[in-house]
């Protein structure tokens, strides 16, 4: 059991590498989410012109 504890002891350089990789993964996930929302978000629906429907309470 003591042997397995030594596996998780990392040097400062290894810690920095892991933090950099995690930050890169978070940045990529954030960027992909922003791109997905930009394509399918409210801006995409606003570009379509719709005809106003008559109100059901107003008769001609």
C-alpha atoms as a PDB file:
ATOM      1  CA  UNK A   1       0.000   0.000   0.000  1.00  0.00           C
ATOM      2  CA  UNK A   2       2.878   2.365   0.706  1.00  0.00           C
ATOM      3  CA  UNK A   3       4.187   1.787  -2.807  1.00  0.00           C
ATOM      4  CA  UNK A   4       1.000   3.174  -4.346  1.00  0.00           C
ATOM      5  CA  UNK A   5       1.272   6.399  -2.359  1.00  0.00           C
ATOM      6  CA  UNK A   6       4.533   7.242  -4.088  1.00  0.00           C
ATOM      7  CA  UNK A   7       2.810   7.226  -7.476  1.00  0.00           C
ATOM      8  CA  UNK A   8       0.918  10.412  -6.631  1.00  0.00           C
ATOM      9  CA  UNK A   9       3.938  12.431  -5.518  1.00  0.00           C
ATOM     10  CA  UNK A  10       4.711  14.812  -8.382  1.00  0.00           C
ATOM     11  CA  UNK A  11       7.509  17.273  -8.947  1.00  0.00           C
ATOM     12  CA  UNK A  12       6.764  20.955  -9.515  1.00  0.00           C
ATOM     13  CA  UNK A  13       7.364  20.574 -13.257  1.00  0.00           C
ATOM     14  CA  UNK A  14       4.940  17.650 -13.435  1.00  0.00           C
ATOM     15  CA  UNK A  15       2.326  19.599 -11.474  1.00  0.00           C
ATOM     16  CA  UNK A  16       2.666  22.559 -13.844  1.00  0.00           C
ATOM     17  CA  UNK A  17       2.304  20.269 -16.853  1.00  0.00           C
ATOM     18  CA  UNK A  18      -0.875  18.732 -15.479  1.00  0.00           C
ATOM     19  CA  UNK A  19      -2.322  22.161 -14.643  1.00  0.00           C
ATOM     20  CA  UNK A  20      -1.500  23.413 -18.155  1.00  0.00           C
ATOM     21  CA  UNK A  21      -3.175  20.375 -19.728  1.00  0.00           C
ATOM     22  CA  UNK A  22      -6.288  20.789 -17.582  1.00  0.00           C
ATOM     23  CA  UNK A  23      -6.504  24.495 -18.426  1.00  0.00           C
ATOM     24  CA  UNK A  24      -6.163  23.678 -22.128  1.00  0.00           C
ATOM     25  CA  UNK A  25      -8.974  21.106 -21.901  1.00  0.00           C
ATOM     26  CA  UNK A  26     -11.239  23.572 -20.075  1.00  0.00           C
ATOM     27  CA  UNK A  27     -10.483  26.289 -22.636  1.00  0.00           C
ATOM     28  CA  UNK A  28     -11.274  23.948 -25.538  1.00  0.00           C
ATOM     29  CA  UNK A  29     -14.544  22.851 -23.910  1.00  0.00           C
ATOM     30  CA  UNK A  30     -15.498  26.490 -23.270  1.00  0.00           C
ATOM     31  CA  UNK A  31     -14.685  27.473 -26.859  1.00  0.00           C
ATOM     32  CA  UNK A  32     -16.668  24.579 -28.314  1.00  0.00           C
ATOM     33  CA  UNK A  33     -19.647  25.417 -26.100  1.00  0.00           C
ATOM     34  CA  UNK A  34     -19.541  29.064 -27.178  1.00  0.00           C
ATOM     35  CA  UNK A  35     -19.382  28.078 -30.862  1.00  0.00           C
ATOM     36  CA  UNK A  36     -22.328  25.677 -30.433  1.00  0.00           C
ATOM     37  CA  UNK A  37     -24.431  28.318 -28.695  1.00  0.00           C
ATOM     38  CA  UNK A  38     -23.522  30.921 -31.301  1.00  0.00           C
ATOM     39  CA  UNK A  39     -24.722  28.710 -34.184  1.00  0.00           C
ATOM     40  CA  UNK A  40     -27.960  27.482 -32.571  1.00  0.00           C
ATOM     41  CA  UNK A  41     -28.658  30.326 -30.176  1.00  0.00           C
ATOM     42  CA  UNK A  42     -31.177  33.173 -30.309  1.00  0.00           C
ATOM     43  CA  UNK A  43     -29.158  34.976 -32.996  1.00  0.00           C
ATOM     44  CA  UNK A  44     -29.872  32.220 -35.517  1.00  0.00           C
ATOM     45  CA  UNK A  45     -33.623  32.460 -34.919  1.00  0.00           C
ATOM     46  CA  UNK A  46     -33.620  36.271 -35.149  1.00  0.00           C
ATOM     47  CA  UNK A  47     -32.449  36.199 -38.755  1.00  0.00           C
ATOM     48  CA  UNK A  48     -35.637  34.460 -39.932  1.00  0.00           C
ATOM     49  CA  UNK A  49     -38.427  36.897 -40.815  1.00  0.00           C
ATOM     50  CA  UNK A  50     -41.872  35.930 -39.604  1.00  0.00           C
ATOM     51  CA  UNK A  51     -45.266  37.377 -40.428  1.00  0.00           C
ATOM     52  CA  UNK A  52     -47.173  38.702 -37.439  1.00  0.00           C
ATOM     53  CA  UNK A  53     -50.232  36.612 -36.760  1.00  0.00           C
ATOM     54  CA  UNK A  54     -53.527  38.402 -36.174  1.00  0.00           C
ATOM     55  CA  UNK A  55     -54.704  38.539 -32.620  1.00  0.00           C
ATOM     56  CA  UNK A  56     -57.585  36.114 -31.979  1.00  0.00           C
ATOM     57  CA  UNK A  57     -59.524  38.852 -30.116  1.00  0.00           C
ATOM     58  CA  UNK A  58     -59.557  41.326 -33.045  1.00  0.00           C
ATOM     59  CA  UNK A  59     -62.065  40.610 -35.794  1.00  0.00           C
ATOM     60  CA  UNK A  60     -62.023  42.392 -39.164  1.00  0.00           C
END
